[in-house]
N, C-alpha and C. Protein backbone atom coordinates (compact mmCIF):
# COMPACT_ATOMS: atom_id res chain seq x y z
N MET A 1 -4.45 -11.60 -1.26
CA MET A 1 -4.56 -10.25 -0.90
C MET A 1 -3.71 -9.81 0.08
N LYS A 2 -2.87 -10.82 0.50
CA LYS A 2 -1.93 -10.34 1.34
C LYS A 2 -1.10 -9.39 0.53
N GLY A 3 -0.30 -8.39 1.31
CA GLY A 3 0.54 -7.43 0.91
C GLY A 3 0.02 -6.51 -0.16
N MET A 4 -1.30 -6.34 -0.29
CA MET A 4 -2.12 -5.24 -0.99
C MET A 4 -1.60 -3.82 -0.72
N LEU A 5 -1.36 -3.49 0.68
CA LEU A 5 -1.30 -2.15 1.05
C LEU A 5 0.08 -1.90 1.06
N LYS A 6 0.75 -2.62 0.83
CA LYS A 6 2.33 -2.32 0.81
C LYS A 6 2.67 -1.27 -0.23
N GLY A 7 2.60 -1.64 -1.56
CA GLY A 7 2.84 -0.44 -2.71
C GLY A 7 2.17 0.76 -2.27
N PRO A 8 0.53 0.82 -2.09
CA PRO A 8 0.13 2.11 -2.04
C PRO A 8 0.83 2.86 -0.90
N LEU A 9 0.98 2.06 0.43
CA LEU A 9 1.53 2.93 1.50
C LEU A 9 3.17 3.51 1.10
N ILE A 10 3.71 2.69 0.35
CA ILE A 10 5.25 3.37 0.09
C ILE A 10 4.79 4.66 -0.87
N ILE A 11 3.82 4.61 -1.73
CA ILE A 11 3.52 5.78 -2.49
C ILE A 11 3.28 6.81 -1.59
N ALA A 12 2.29 6.44 -0.48
CA ALA A 12 1.73 7.62 0.22
C ALA A 12 2.73 8.08 1.02
N ALA A 13 3.69 7.48 1.24
CA ALA A 13 4.97 8.17 2.28
C ALA A 13 5.96 8.99 1.49
N ILE A 14 5.89 8.77 0.13
CA ILE A 14 6.72 9.53 -0.79
C ILE A 14 5.82 10.85 -1.01
N LEU A 15 4.68 10.69 -1.34
CA LEU A 15 3.71 11.85 -1.28
C LEU A 15 3.75 12.77 -0.49
N VAL A 16 3.78 12.27 1.01
CA VAL A 16 3.44 13.15 2.18
C VAL A 16 4.97 14.13 2.22
N VAL A 17 6.02 13.07 2.00
CA VAL A 17 7.19 13.84 2.18
C VAL A 17 7.52 14.84 0.94
N GLY A 18 6.93 14.57 -0.17
CA GLY A 18 7.38 15.24 -1.27
C GLY A 18 6.62 16.52 -1.13
N ARG A 19 5.40 16.26 -0.84
CA ARG A 19 4.74 17.61 -0.67
C ARG A 19 5.10 18.50 0.44
N VAL A 20 5.40 18.03 1.16
CA VAL A 20 5.92 19.10 2.38
C VAL A 20 7.39 19.72 1.81
N LEU A 21 8.27 18.84 1.41
CA LEU A 21 9.60 19.55 0.78
C LEU A 21 9.18 20.50 -0.22
N LEU A 22 8.18 20.16 -0.93
CA LEU A 22 7.97 21.32 -2.19
C LEU A 22 7.53 22.30 -1.39
N GLU A 23 6.34 22.40 -0.48
CA GLU A 23 6.00 23.57 -0.15
C GLU A 23 7.07 24.28 0.73
N ARG A 24 7.70 23.63 1.65
CA ARG A 24 8.80 24.24 2.22
C ARG A 24 9.75 25.06 1.37
N ALA A 25 10.11 24.53 0.32
CA ALA A 25 11.22 25.12 -0.86
C ALA A 25 10.09 26.46 -1.55
N GLY A 26 8.90 26.36 -1.39
CA GLY A 26 8.01 27.56 -2.09
C GLY A 26 7.78 27.12 -3.62
N ALA A 27 7.59 25.86 -3.70
CA ALA A 27 6.95 25.56 -5.08
C ALA A 27 5.67 25.92 -5.33
N PRO A 28 5.12 26.38 -6.71
CA PRO A 28 3.86 26.77 -6.66
C PRO A 28 2.73 25.94 -6.24
N GLY A 29 1.58 26.28 -6.03
CA GLY A 29 0.39 25.47 -5.55
C GLY A 29 0.03 24.57 -6.22
N TRP A 30 -0.01 24.36 -7.71
CA TRP A 30 -0.51 23.63 -8.63
C TRP A 30 0.41 22.48 -8.42
N LEU A 31 1.78 22.62 -8.20
CA LEU A 31 2.70 21.36 -8.19
C LEU A 31 2.62 20.87 -6.75
N ASN A 32 2.36 21.55 -5.61
CA ASN A 32 1.99 20.70 -4.30
C ASN A 32 0.98 20.06 -4.35
N ASN A 33 0.02 20.61 -5.04
CA ASN A 33 -1.36 19.65 -5.31
C ASN A 33 -1.14 18.31 -5.80
N VAL A 34 -0.29 18.46 -6.95
CA VAL A 34 -0.20 16.97 -7.74
C VAL A 34 0.23 15.97 -6.56
N PHE A 35 0.97 16.22 -5.67
CA PHE A 35 1.43 15.58 -4.69
C PHE A 35 0.45 15.25 -3.46
N SER A 36 -0.73 15.65 -3.82
CA SER A 36 -1.57 15.28 -2.60
C SER A 36 -2.14 13.98 -2.26
N VAL A 37 -1.95 13.64 -1.02
CA VAL A 37 -2.32 12.16 -0.64
C VAL A 37 -3.73 12.06 -0.63
N VAL A 38 -4.48 12.93 -0.62
CA VAL A 38 -5.80 12.85 -0.81
C VAL A 38 -6.56 11.86 -1.94
N ILE A 39 -5.88 12.61 -2.97
CA ILE A 39 -6.44 11.69 -4.25
C ILE A 39 -6.11 10.27 -4.13
N LEU A 40 -4.78 10.07 -3.55
CA LEU A 40 -4.49 8.61 -3.69
C LEU A 40 -5.42 7.82 -2.66
N TYR A 41 -5.85 8.31 -1.47
CA TYR A 41 -6.68 7.47 -0.37
C TYR A 41 -8.13 7.70 -0.77
N VAL A 42 -8.67 8.60 -1.70
CA VAL A 42 -9.99 8.69 -1.79
C VAL A 42 -10.32 7.89 -3.24
N PHE A 43 -9.61 8.02 -4.06
CA PHE A 43 -9.78 7.58 -5.56
C PHE A 43 -8.86 6.52 -5.94
N ILE A 44 -7.76 6.51 -5.99
CA ILE A 44 -6.83 5.81 -6.68
C ILE A 44 -6.67 4.25 -6.04
N ALA A 45 -6.31 4.32 -4.46
CA ALA A 45 -6.27 3.11 -3.89
C ALA A 45 -7.43 2.41 -3.78
N PRO A 46 -8.63 3.09 -3.69
CA PRO A 46 -9.87 2.13 -3.52
C PRO A 46 -10.14 1.75 -4.65
N LEU A 47 -9.83 2.10 -5.90
CA LEU A 47 -10.09 1.59 -7.39
C LEU A 47 -8.97 0.45 -7.40
N TYR A 48 -7.78 0.59 -6.86
CA TYR A 48 -6.68 -0.33 -7.32
C TYR A 48 -7.32 -1.64 -6.36
N PHE A 49 -7.70 -1.41 -5.02
CA PHE A 49 -8.26 -2.41 -4.03
C PHE A 49 -9.33 -3.32 -4.90
N ALA A 50 -10.32 -2.36 -5.52
CA ALA A 50 -11.55 -3.33 -6.11
C ALA A 50 -10.95 -4.07 -7.37
N PHE A 51 -10.13 -3.53 -8.00
CA PHE A 51 -9.53 -4.23 -8.95
C PHE A 51 -9.38 -5.37 -8.80
N ARG A 52 -8.18 -5.32 -7.67
CA ARG A 52 -7.43 -6.69 -7.29
C ARG A 52 -8.45 -7.65 -6.45
N ILE A 53 -9.21 -7.12 -5.83
CA ILE A 53 -10.37 -7.83 -4.84
C ILE A 53 -11.20 -8.55 -5.88
N ALA A 54 -11.74 -7.96 -6.83
CA ALA A 54 -12.65 -8.46 -7.91
C ALA A 54 -11.87 -9.60 -8.78
N LYS A 55 -10.85 -9.26 -8.96
CA LYS A 55 -9.83 -10.33 -9.64
C LYS A 55 -9.77 -11.76 -9.02
N SER A 56 -9.65 -11.59 -7.65
CA SER A 56 -9.14 -12.53 -6.94
C SER A 56 -10.21 -13.41 -6.42
N GLY A 57 -11.61 -13.25 -6.28
CA GLY A 57 -12.52 -13.86 -5.88
C GLY A 57 -12.71 -14.30 -4.45
N VAL A 58 -12.34 -13.73 -3.63
CA VAL A 58 -12.56 -13.56 -2.23
C VAL A 58 -14.08 -13.56 -2.10
N GLU A 59 -14.24 -14.35 -1.05
CA GLU A 59 -15.62 -14.65 -0.44
C GLU A 59 -16.59 -13.49 -0.13
N ARG A 60 -15.74 -12.21 0.70
CA ARG A 60 -16.54 -11.36 0.88
C ARG A 60 -16.03 -10.13 0.32
N PRO A 61 -16.08 -9.72 -1.09
CA PRO A 61 -15.31 -8.70 -1.76
C PRO A 61 -15.59 -7.35 -1.20
N TYR A 62 -16.89 -6.93 -0.70
CA TYR A 62 -17.49 -5.74 -0.17
C TYR A 62 -16.76 -5.45 0.96
N ARG A 63 -16.70 -6.60 1.88
CA ARG A 63 -16.19 -6.22 3.28
C ARG A 63 -14.78 -6.06 2.94
N THR A 64 -14.13 -6.93 2.35
CA THR A 64 -12.72 -6.91 2.12
C THR A 64 -12.05 -5.58 1.45
N LEU A 65 -12.86 -4.90 0.50
CA LEU A 65 -12.75 -3.54 0.24
C LEU A 65 -12.72 -2.57 1.01
N PHE A 66 -13.69 -2.23 2.01
CA PHE A 66 -14.19 -1.06 2.85
C PHE A 66 -12.94 -1.61 3.90
N LYS A 67 -12.90 -2.70 4.30
CA LYS A 67 -11.58 -3.08 5.34
C LYS A 67 -10.20 -2.37 4.76
N ASN A 68 -10.11 -2.50 3.53
CA ASN A 68 -8.67 -2.05 3.14
C ASN A 68 -8.63 -0.51 2.80
N ILE A 69 -9.76 0.01 2.54
CA ILE A 69 -9.92 1.26 2.56
C ILE A 69 -9.87 2.01 3.77
N ALA A 70 -10.48 1.59 4.64
CA ALA A 70 -10.55 2.07 6.12
C ALA A 70 -8.78 2.09 6.76
N LEU A 71 -8.17 0.74 6.48
CA LEU A 71 -6.74 0.59 7.07
C LEU A 71 -5.93 1.31 6.46
N PHE A 72 -5.98 1.50 5.04
CA PHE A 72 -5.18 2.33 4.22
C PHE A 72 -5.36 3.87 4.54
N THR A 73 -6.42 4.14 4.61
CA THR A 73 -6.57 5.94 4.82
C THR A 73 -6.22 6.01 6.31
N THR A 74 -6.42 5.17 7.16
CA THR A 74 -5.92 5.48 8.64
C THR A 74 -4.53 5.50 8.94
N LEU A 75 -3.86 4.48 7.77
CA LEU A 75 -2.37 4.33 7.91
C LEU A 75 -1.68 5.55 6.98
N ALA A 76 -2.24 5.75 5.93
CA ALA A 76 -1.72 7.26 5.12
C ALA A 76 -2.04 8.62 6.09
N ARG A 77 -3.15 8.73 6.77
CA ARG A 77 -3.48 9.66 7.44
C ARG A 77 -2.45 9.79 8.87
N SER A 78 -1.74 8.82 9.25
CA SER A 78 -1.16 8.64 10.31
C SER A 78 0.24 9.19 9.83
N MET A 79 0.66 9.33 8.63
CA MET A 79 1.60 9.82 7.94
C MET A 79 1.71 11.25 7.76
N VAL A 80 0.53 11.84 7.53
CA VAL A 80 0.05 13.30 7.70
C VAL A 80 0.26 13.80 8.88
N ILE A 81 -0.26 13.25 9.98
CA ILE A 81 -0.53 13.95 11.26
C ILE A 81 0.80 14.52 11.58
N PRO A 82 1.83 13.80 11.69
CA PRO A 82 3.18 14.44 12.18
C PRO A 82 3.47 15.70 11.29
N MET A 83 2.87 15.95 9.97
CA MET A 83 3.38 17.11 9.51
C MET A 83 2.38 18.40 9.84
N TYR A 84 1.17 17.59 10.39
CA TYR A 84 0.67 18.72 11.01
C TYR A 84 1.02 19.40 12.40
N TRP A 85 1.77 18.29 13.07
CA TRP A 85 2.42 18.87 14.47
C TRP A 85 3.47 19.63 14.15
N LEU A 86 4.27 19.11 13.11
CA LEU A 86 5.65 20.33 12.78
C LEU A 86 5.00 21.53 11.94
N ALA A 87 3.82 21.53 11.35
CA ALA A 87 3.28 22.75 10.93
C ALA A 87 2.93 23.75 12.22
N TYR A 88 2.29 22.90 13.17
CA TYR A 88 1.83 23.91 14.36
C TYR A 88 2.79 24.51 15.09
N HIS A 89 3.88 23.40 15.44
CA HIS A 89 5.12 23.86 16.18
C HIS A 89 5.88 25.17 15.62
N TYR A 90 6.08 24.99 14.24
CA TYR A 90 6.74 25.99 13.51
C TYR A 90 6.12 27.18 12.92
N GLN A 91 4.85 27.08 13.05
CA GLN A 91 3.86 27.80 12.58
C GLN A 91 3.86 28.03 10.79
N TRP A 92 4.21 26.80 10.16
CA TRP A 92 4.01 27.10 8.74
C TRP A 92 3.02 27.69 8.22
N PRO A 93 3.43 28.80 6.94
CA PRO A 93 2.30 29.62 6.43
C PRO A 93 1.64 29.05 5.22
N GLU A 94 1.76 27.70 4.85
CA GLU A 94 1.12 27.36 3.79
C GLU A 94 -0.24 27.12 3.99
N PHE A 95 -1.11 27.54 3.09
CA PHE A 95 -2.50 27.79 3.35
C PHE A 95 -3.27 26.53 3.91
N ARG A 96 -2.64 25.17 3.58
CA ARG A 96 -3.33 24.19 3.80
C ARG A 96 -3.14 23.86 5.45
N PHE A 97 -2.26 24.25 6.10
CA PHE A 97 -2.17 24.22 7.74
C PHE A 97 -2.67 25.37 8.03
N SER A 98 -3.16 26.51 7.33
CA SER A 98 -3.80 27.64 8.06
C SER A 98 -5.22 27.01 8.37
N VAL A 99 -5.73 27.82 9.73
CA VAL A 99 -7.19 27.76 10.09
C VAL A 99 -8.23 27.99 9.07
N ALA A 100 -7.84 28.79 8.08
CA ALA A 100 -8.65 29.12 7.12
C ALA A 100 -8.90 28.06 6.16
N GLY A 101 -7.61 27.31 6.04
CA GLY A 101 -7.49 26.07 5.04
C GLY A 101 -8.00 24.64 5.78
N GLY A 102 -8.56 24.82 6.96
CA GLY A 102 -8.85 23.54 7.77
C GLY A 102 -7.89 23.24 8.40
N GLY A 103 -6.71 23.74 8.74
CA GLY A 103 -5.56 23.14 9.42
C GLY A 103 -5.38 23.44 10.77
N ASN A 104 -4.29 23.72 11.15
CA ASN A 104 -4.00 24.16 12.95
C ASN A 104 -2.94 25.22 13.14
N VAL A 105 -2.96 25.96 12.15
CA VAL A 105 -1.97 27.02 12.33
C VAL A 105 -2.77 28.32 12.21
N GLY A 106 -2.59 29.12 13.52
CA GLY A 106 -3.46 30.66 13.14
C GLY A 106 -3.77 30.88 14.59
N PRO A 107 -4.26 32.36 14.80
CA PRO A 107 -4.32 32.55 16.23
C PRO A 107 -5.46 31.78 16.81
N GLY A 108 -5.27 31.63 18.23
CA GLY A 108 -6.66 31.15 19.09
C GLY A 108 -6.56 29.85 18.95
N VAL A 109 -5.54 28.97 18.10
CA VAL A 109 -5.55 27.41 18.18
C VAL A 109 -4.45 27.10 19.49
N SER A 110 -5.27 26.42 20.63
CA SER A 110 -4.61 25.90 21.69
C SER A 110 -3.67 24.61 21.27
N PRO A 111 -2.49 24.41 22.13
CA PRO A 111 -1.84 23.21 21.67
C PRO A 111 -2.58 21.93 21.75
N LEU A 112 -3.51 21.89 22.63
CA LEU A 112 -4.28 20.53 22.54
C LEU A 112 -5.24 20.66 21.18
N MET A 113 -5.64 21.60 20.40
CA MET A 113 -6.28 21.58 19.44
C MET A 113 -5.20 21.27 18.39
N GLY A 114 -4.08 22.03 18.54
CA GLY A 114 -3.31 22.19 17.40
C GLY A 114 -2.34 20.81 17.00
N TYR A 115 -2.31 20.07 18.35
CA TYR A 115 -1.24 18.50 18.34
C TYR A 115 -2.48 17.43 18.04
N ILE A 116 -3.61 17.68 18.70
CA ILE A 116 -4.50 16.44 18.79
C ILE A 116 -5.84 16.82 18.09
N GLY A 117 -6.40 17.70 18.47
CA GLY A 117 -8.14 18.15 18.22
C GLY A 117 -7.82 18.11 16.71
N ILE A 118 -7.45 19.09 15.96
CA ILE A 118 -7.52 19.36 14.74
C ILE A 118 -7.16 18.10 13.76
N PRO A 119 -5.88 17.68 14.14
CA PRO A 119 -5.35 16.57 13.21
C PRO A 119 -6.08 15.17 13.38
N LEU A 120 -6.49 14.84 14.42
CA LEU A 120 -7.41 13.75 14.81
C LEU A 120 -8.73 14.00 13.95
N PHE A 121 -9.71 15.21 14.15
CA PHE A 121 -10.82 15.31 13.41
C PHE A 121 -10.83 15.19 11.99
N ALA A 122 -9.57 15.74 11.31
CA ALA A 122 -9.39 15.96 9.96
C ALA A 122 -9.10 14.26 9.61
N ALA A 123 -8.52 13.61 10.48
CA ALA A 123 -8.23 12.09 9.99
C ALA A 123 -9.56 11.25 9.98
N ILE A 124 -10.32 11.69 10.88
CA ILE A 124 -11.44 11.13 10.94
C ILE A 124 -12.46 11.28 9.92
N ALA A 125 -12.65 12.81 9.49
CA ALA A 125 -13.24 13.11 8.35
C ALA A 125 -12.77 12.50 7.14
N TRP A 126 -11.39 12.59 6.83
CA TRP A 126 -11.00 11.91 5.67
C TRP A 126 -11.02 10.37 5.44
N ILE A 127 -11.30 9.45 6.73
CA ILE A 127 -11.40 8.23 6.68
C ILE A 127 -12.62 8.15 6.12
N LEU A 128 -13.82 8.70 6.70
CA LEU A 128 -15.31 8.82 6.38
C LEU A 128 -15.22 8.84 4.82
N VAL A 129 -14.68 10.10 4.32
CA VAL A 129 -14.97 10.46 2.97
C VAL A 129 -14.48 9.38 2.18
N SER A 130 -13.27 8.65 2.32
CA SER A 130 -12.78 7.74 1.67
C SER A 130 -13.57 6.48 1.71
N LEU A 131 -14.33 6.27 2.57
CA LEU A 131 -15.09 5.17 2.84
C LEU A 131 -16.26 5.21 2.07
N VAL A 132 -16.84 6.62 1.73
CA VAL A 132 -18.17 6.75 1.48
C VAL A 132 -17.68 6.97 -0.27
N VAL A 133 -16.81 7.68 -0.69
CA VAL A 133 -16.23 8.10 -2.17
C VAL A 133 -15.87 6.74 -2.68
N GLY A 134 -14.54 6.39 -1.95
CA GLY A 134 -13.72 5.62 -2.53
C GLY A 134 -14.56 4.17 -2.42
N GLY A 135 -15.23 3.78 -1.26
CA GLY A 135 -15.94 2.51 -1.10
C GLY A 135 -17.11 2.52 -2.04
N GLY A 136 -17.76 3.52 -2.58
CA GLY A 136 -18.72 3.55 -3.29
C GLY A 136 -18.32 3.52 -5.01
N LEU A 137 -17.10 3.82 -5.24
CA LEU A 137 -16.59 3.58 -6.72
C LEU A 137 -16.05 2.33 -6.39
N GLY A 138 -15.26 1.85 -5.64
CA GLY A 138 -14.60 0.68 -5.42
C GLY A 138 -15.97 -0.52 -5.64
N SER A 139 -17.19 -0.19 -5.02
CA SER A 139 -18.33 -1.25 -5.11
C SER A 139 -18.84 -1.50 -6.50
N ILE A 140 -18.70 -0.12 -6.93
CA ILE A 140 -19.21 -0.19 -8.46
C ILE A 140 -18.42 -1.10 -9.26
N VAL A 141 -17.10 -1.08 -9.40
CA VAL A 141 -16.17 -1.91 -10.07
C VAL A 141 -16.32 -3.35 -9.73
N ILE A 142 -16.43 -3.51 -8.36
CA ILE A 142 -16.42 -5.17 -7.64
C ILE A 142 -17.82 -5.46 -8.59
N LYS A 143 -18.82 -5.11 -8.56
CA LYS A 143 -20.19 -5.31 -8.93
C LYS A 143 -20.05 -5.75 -10.68
N ARG A 144 -19.21 -4.59 -11.14
CA ARG A 144 -19.30 -4.83 -12.54
C ARG A 144 -18.34 -6.02 -13.04
N ARG A 145 -17.47 -6.05 -12.37
CA ARG A 145 -16.34 -7.21 -12.86
C ARG A 145 -17.05 -8.57 -12.49
N ARG A 146 -17.84 -8.64 -11.37
CA ARG A 146 -18.35 -9.93 -10.99
C ARG A 146 -19.39 -10.45 -11.69
N ARG A 147 -20.06 -9.09 -12.44
CA ARG A 147 -21.20 -9.38 -13.17
C ARG A 147 -20.61 -9.98 -14.73
N ARG A 148 -19.70 -9.34 -15.02
CA ARG A 148 -18.95 -9.83 -16.28
C ARG A 148 -18.32 -11.28 -16.08
N LEU A 149 -17.64 -11.43 -14.89
CA LEU A 149 -17.38 -12.75 -14.76
C LEU A 149 -18.46 -13.93 -14.86
N ALA A 150 -19.62 -13.51 -14.05
CA ALA A 150 -20.54 -14.35 -14.12
C ALA A 150 -21.02 -14.79 -15.57
N GLN A 151 -21.35 -13.80 -16.23
CA GLN A 151 -21.83 -13.70 -17.76
C GLN A 151 -20.76 -14.70 -18.51
N ALA A 152 -19.36 -14.35 -18.29
CA ALA A 152 -18.36 -15.28 -18.96
C ALA A 152 -18.46 -16.89 -18.48
N HIS A 153 -19.20 -17.23 -17.24
CA HIS A 153 -19.12 -18.68 -16.72
C HIS A 153 -20.43 -19.10 -16.80
N ALA A 154 -21.43 -18.15 -17.16
CA ALA A 154 -22.98 -18.70 -17.50
C ALA A 154 -22.80 -19.84 -18.60
N PRO A 155 -23.65 -20.77 -18.29
CA PRO A 155 -24.07 -21.86 -19.69
C PRO A 155 -24.82 -21.24 -20.63
N VAL A 156 -24.53 -21.31 -21.80
CA VAL A 156 -25.21 -20.98 -22.83
C VAL A 156 -26.46 -21.49 -23.42
């Protein structure tokens, strides 16, 4: 199980930087959304972890899954938070950074809320969403894979 986070974290870093570069270059919204790290930490990474964990036969697979999802999402969000700091500092106009889009750029946003409050609240919210959605999907994968393994090894 060692090193399971390395690949997804590299992909997350590429997505975070790539999306900001595309947004700042004026790319269309649909293309920016393709580079969303949210899809990675809510769906793709939890399923990847679940398949790896189910295949490994670890003693506590569900605990391992939820631990990996929480750690991965925390690390991925820690890559996103500096983008929100830059957005607040430079008042970037992209919708995802606007107050209307759940971001920290707009009238009436204090430096405390712009640099700490909103990014931290968003990180906590996305970690919880990842644990619920990704953890639920990953748990289903582990349950089905373990059931299939048990049936394959059951005496006939």
